[in-house]
C-alpha cells in the first residue's frame, strides 16, 4: 500500500511539474507577443 501511495505521489508531482512548465512557457510566449505588439505600436505612433 505504501508503495502504491508513493507511485501516486510521484505521478502527481510529475504532473504538477509538467503543468507548471507548460504555464511558464505560455506566460513567456504571451510576454513575447506583448513586447512585439508594443514595439509595433510605438513604430506606428512615431512615424
PDB file of N, CA and C in Angstrom:
ATOM      1  N   UNK A   1       0.829  -1.207   0.000  1.00  0.00           N
ATOM      2  CA  UNK A   1       0.000   0.000   0.000  1.00  0.00           C
ATOM      3  C   UNK A   1       0.871   1.268   0.000  1.00  0.00           C
ATOM      4  N   UNK A   2       1.938   1.254   0.797  1.00  0.00           N
ATOM      5  CA  UNK A   2       2.835   2.409   0.818  1.00  0.00           C
ATOM      6  C   UNK A   2       3.500   2.603  -0.537  1.00  0.00           C
ATOM      7  N   UNK A   3       3.835   1.494  -1.186  1.00  0.00           N
ATOM      8  CA  UNK A   3       4.460   1.569  -2.498  1.00  0.00           C
ATOM      9  C   UNK A   3       3.517   2.222  -3.507  1.00  0.00           C
ATOM     10  N   UNK A   4       2.257   1.830  -3.480  1.00  0.00           N
ATOM     11  CA  UNK A   4       1.262   2.414  -4.387  1.00  0.00           C
ATOM     12  C   UNK A   4       1.067   3.903  -4.101  1.00  0.00           C
ATOM     13  N   UNK A   5       1.031   4.249  -2.829  1.00  0.00           N
ATOM     14  CA  UNK A   5       0.889   5.656  -2.445  1.00  0.00           C
ATOM     15  C   UNK A   5       2.078   6.462  -2.947  1.00  0.00           C
ATOM     16  N   UNK A   6       3.261   5.906  -2.826  1.00  0.00           N
ATOM     17  CA  UNK A   6       4.470   6.573  -3.317  1.00  0.00           C
ATOM     18  C   UNK A   6       4.426   6.785  -4.817  1.00  0.00           C
ATOM     19  N   UNK A   7       3.937   5.792  -5.555  1.00  0.00           N
ATOM     20  CA  UNK A   7       3.825   5.920  -7.013  1.00  0.00           C
ATOM     21  C   UNK A   7       2.836   7.021  -7.387  1.00  0.00           C
ATOM     22  N   UNK A   8       1.712   7.053  -6.676  1.00  0.00           N
ATOM     23  CA  UNK A   8       0.699   8.081  -6.954  1.00  0.00           C
ATOM     24  C   UNK A   8       1.261   9.468  -6.668  1.00  0.00           C
ATOM     25  N   UNK A   9       1.973   9.599  -5.562  1.00  0.00           N
ATOM     26  CA  UNK A   9       2.587  10.889  -5.227  1.00  0.00           C
ATOM     27  C   UNK A   9       3.605  11.299  -6.286  1.00  0.00           C
ATOM     28  N   UNK A  10       4.421  10.370  -6.729  1.00  0.00           N
ATOM     29  CA  UNK A  10       5.428  10.672  -7.753  1.00  0.00           C
ATOM     30  C   UNK A  10       4.751  11.097  -9.051  1.00  0.00           C
ATOM     31  N   UNK A  11       3.690  10.392  -9.432  1.00  0.00           N
ATOM     32  CA  UNK A  11       2.956  10.763 -10.646  1.00  0.00           C
ATOM     33  C   UNK A  11       2.334  12.147 -10.507  1.00  0.00           C
ATOM     34  N   UNK A  12       1.793  12.427  -9.335  1.00  0.00           N
ATOM     35  CA  UNK A  12       1.175  13.735  -9.096  1.00  0.00           C
ATOM     36  C   UNK A  12       2.212  14.848  -9.163  1.00  0.00           C
ATOM     37  N   UNK A  13       3.372  14.610  -8.563  1.00  0.00           N
ATOM     38  CA  UNK A  13       4.438  15.614  -8.614  1.00  0.00           C
ATOM     39  C   UNK A  13       4.883  15.851 -10.047  1.00  0.00           C
ATOM     40  N   UNK A  14       5.013  14.788 -10.816  1.00  0.00           N
ATOM     41  CA  UNK A  14       5.403  14.920 -12.214  1.00  0.00           C
ATOM     42  C   UNK A  14       4.359  15.725 -12.980  1.00  0.00           C
ATOM     43  N   UNK A  15       3.080  15.406 -12.770  1.00  0.00           N
ATOM     44  CA  UNK A  15       2.008  16.136 -13.442  1.00  0.00           C
ATOM     45  C   UNK A  15       2.034  17.617 -13.079  1.00  0.00           C
ATOM     46  N   UNK A  16       2.235  17.903 -11.805  1.00  0.00           N
ATOM     47  CA  UNK A  16       2.278  19.302 -11.356  1.00  0.00           C
ATOM     48  C   UNK A  16       3.464  20.020 -11.984  1.00  0.00           C
ATOM     49  N   UNK A  17       4.619  19.372 -12.021  1.00  0.00           N
ATOM     50  CA  UNK A  17       5.804  19.994 -12.612  1.00  0.00           C
ATOM     51  C   UNK A  17       5.631  20.222 -14.107  1.00  0.00           C
ATOM     52  N   UNK A  18       5.028  19.263 -14.796  1.00  0.00           N
ATOM     53  CA  UNK A  18       4.784  19.440 -16.227  1.00  0.00           C
ATOM     54  C   UNK A  18       3.806  20.585 -16.478  1.00  0.00           C
ATOM     55  N   UNK A  19       2.772  20.660 -15.668  1.00  0.00           N
ATOM     56  CA  UNK A  19       1.787  21.736 -15.813  1.00  0.00           C
ATOM     57  C   UNK A  19       2.420  23.089 -15.512  1.00  0.00           C
ATOM     58  N   UNK A  20       3.249  23.145 -14.478  1.00  0.00           N
ATOM     59  CA  UNK A  20       3.944  24.391 -14.147  1.00  0.00           C
ATOM     60  C   UNK A  20       4.833  24.827 -15.309  1.00  0.00           C
ATOM     61  N   UNK A  21       5.528  23.889 -15.895  1.00  0.00           N
ATOM     62  CA  UNK A  21       6.389  24.193 -17.033  1.00  0.00           C
ATOM     63  C   UNK A  21       5.573  24.687 -18.225  1.00  0.00           C
ATOM     64  N   UNK A  22       4.431  24.045 -18.469  1.00  0.00           N
ATOM     65  CA  UNK A  22       3.568  24.441 -19.580  1.00  0.00           C
ATOM     66  C   UNK A  22       3.044  25.863 -19.377  1.00  0.00           C
ATOM     67  N   UNK A  23       2.625  26.177 -18.161  1.00  0.00           N
ATOM     68  CA  UNK A  23       2.110  27.513 -17.862  1.00  0.00           C
ATOM     69  C   UNK A  23       3.227  28.550 -17.987  1.00  0.00           C
ATOM     70  N   UNK A  24       4.415  28.216 -17.523  1.00  0.00           N
ATOM     71  CA  UNK A  24       5.555  29.125 -17.649  1.00  0.00           C
ATOM     72  C   UNK A  24       5.858  29.404 -19.114  1.00  0.00           C
ATOM     73  N   UNK A  25       5.833  28.364 -19.944  1.00  0.00           N
ATOM     74  CA  UNK A  25       6.055  28.543 -21.380  1.00  0.00           C
ATOM     75  C   UNK A  25       4.979  29.426 -22.003  1.00  0.00           C
ATOM     76  N   UNK A  26       3.723  29.213 -21.604  1.00  0.00           N
ATOM     77  CA  UNK A  26       2.629  30.034 -22.123  1.00  0.00           C
ATOM     78  C   UNK A  26       2.819  31.495 -21.722  1.00  0.00           C
ATOM     79  N   UNK A  27       3.204  31.727 -20.474  1.00  0.00           N
ATOM     80  CA  UNK A  27       3.422  33.081 -19.984  1.00  0.00           C
ATOM     81  C   UNK A  27       4.553  33.758 -20.766  1.00  0.00           C
ATOM     82  N   UNK A  28       5.637  33.038 -20.981  1.00  0.00           N
ATOM     83  CA  UNK A  28       6.773  33.576 -21.729  1.00  0.00           C
ATOM     84  C   UNK A  28       6.359  33.936 -23.148  1.00  0.00           C
ATOM     85  N   UNK A  29       5.568  33.077 -23.776  1.00  0.00           N
ATOM     86  CA  UNK A  29       5.085  33.342 -25.127  1.00  0.00           C
ATOM     87  C   UNK A  29       4.190  34.580 -25.151  1.00  0.00           C
ATOM     88  N   UNK A  30       3.325  34.718 -24.166  1.00  0.00           N
ATOM     89  CA  UNK A  30       2.449  35.894 -24.094  1.00  0.00           C
ATOM     90  C   UNK A  30       3.267  37.167 -23.875  1.00  0.00           C
ATOM     91  N   UNK A  31       4.279  37.095 -23.047  1.00  0.00           N
ATOM     92  CA  UNK A  31       5.152  38.247 -22.821  1.00  0.00           C
ATOM     93  C   UNK A  31       5.849  38.659 -24.122  1.00  0.00           C
ATOM     94  N   UNK A  32       6.323  37.676 -24.879  1.00  0.00           N
ATOM     95  CA  UNK A  32       6.982  37.961 -26.152  1.00  0.00           C
ATOM     96  C   UNK A  32       6.013  38.634 -27.120  1.00  0.00           C
ATOM     97  N   UNK A  33       4.802  38.105 -27.208  1.00  0.00           N
ATOM     98  CA  UNK A  33       3.798  38.685 -28.103  1.00  0.00           C
ATOM     99  C   UNK A  33       3.441  40.109 -27.682  1.00  0.00           C
ATOM    100  N   UNK A  34       3.355  40.337 -26.382  1.00  0.00           N
ATOM    101  CA  UNK A  34       3.055  41.675 -25.881  1.00  0.00           C
ATOM    102  C   UNK A  34       4.175  42.645 -26.244  1.00  0.00           C
ATOM    103  N   UNK A  35       5.415  42.214 -26.088  1.00  0.00           N
ATOM    104  CA  UNK A  35       6.553  43.068 -26.450  1.00  0.00           C
ATOM    105  C   UNK A  35       6.541  43.388 -27.939  1.00  0.00           C
ATOM    106  N   UNK A  36       6.242  42.389 -28.771  1.00  0.00           N
ATOM    107  CA  UNK A  36       6.171  42.614 -30.213  1.00  0.00           C
ATOM    108  C   UNK A  36       5.068  43.610 -30.550  1.00  0.00           C
ATOM    109  N   UNK A  37       3.905  43.462 -29.922  1.00  0.00           N
ATOM    110  CA  UNK A  37       2.788  44.371 -30.176  1.00  0.00           C
ATOM    111  C   UNK A  37       3.122  45.786 -29.710  1.00  0.00           C
ATOM    112  N   UNK A  38       3.775  45.896 -28.565  1.00  0.00           N
ATOM    113  CA  UNK A  38       4.164  47.208 -28.044  1.00  0.00           C
ATOM    114  C   UNK A  38       5.158  47.880 -28.980  1.00  0.00           C
ATOM    115  N   UNK A  39       6.129  47.122 -29.454  1.00  0.00           N
ATOM    116  CA  UNK A  39       7.119  47.662 -30.386  1.00  0.00           C
ATOM    117  C   UNK A  39       6.447  48.123 -31.673  1.00  0.00           C
ATOM    118  N   UNK A  40       5.546  47.307 -32.198  1.00  0.00           N
ATOM    119  CA  UNK A  40       4.818  47.657 -33.420  1.00  0.00           C
ATOM    120  C   UNK A  40       3.997  48.931 -33.206  1.00  0.00           C
ATOM    121  N   UNK A  41       3.345  49.031 -32.066  1.00  0.00           N
ATOM    122  CA  UNK A  41       2.546  50.213 -31.741  1.00  0.00           C
ATOM    123  C   UNK A  41       3.426  51.461 -31.711  1.00  0.00           C
ATOM    124  N   UNK A  42       4.570  51.381 -31.037  1.00  0.00           N
ATOM    125  CA  UNK A  42       5.459  52.538 -30.933  1.00  0.00           C
ATOM    126  C   UNK A  42       6.023  52.932 -32.296  1.00  0.00           C
ATOM    127  N   UNK A  43       6.284  51.957 -33.156  1.00  0.00           N
ATOM    128  CA  UNK A  43       6.761  52.267 -34.510  1.00  0.00           C
ATOM    129  C   UNK A  43       5.702  53.041 -35.285  1.00  0.00           C
ATOM    130  N   UNK A  44       4.444  52.602 -35.177  1.00  0.00           N
ATOM    131  CA  UNK A  44       3.358  53.268 -35.906  1.00  0.00           C
ATOM    132  C   UNK A  44       3.086  54.660 -35.350  1.00  0.00           C
ATOM    133  N   UNK A  45       3.167  54.818 -34.034  1.00  0.00           N
ATOM    134  CA  UNK A  45       2.909  56.117 -33.409  1.00  0.00           C
ATOM    135  C   UNK A  45       4.004  57.110 -33.779  1.00  0.00           C
ATOM    136  N   UNK A  46       5.237  56.657 -33.834  1.00  0.00           N
ATOM    137  CA  UNK A  46       6.357  57.567 -34.081  1.00  0.00           C
ATOM    138  C   UNK A  46       6.530  57.918 -35.560  1.00  0.00           C
ATOM    139  N   UNK A  47       5.847  57.210 -36.451  1.00  0.00           N
ATOM    140  CA  UNK A  47       6.024  57.532 -37.883  1.00  0.00           C
ATOM    141  C   UNK A  47       4.909  58.381 -38.430  1.00  0.00           C
TER     142      UNK A  47
END
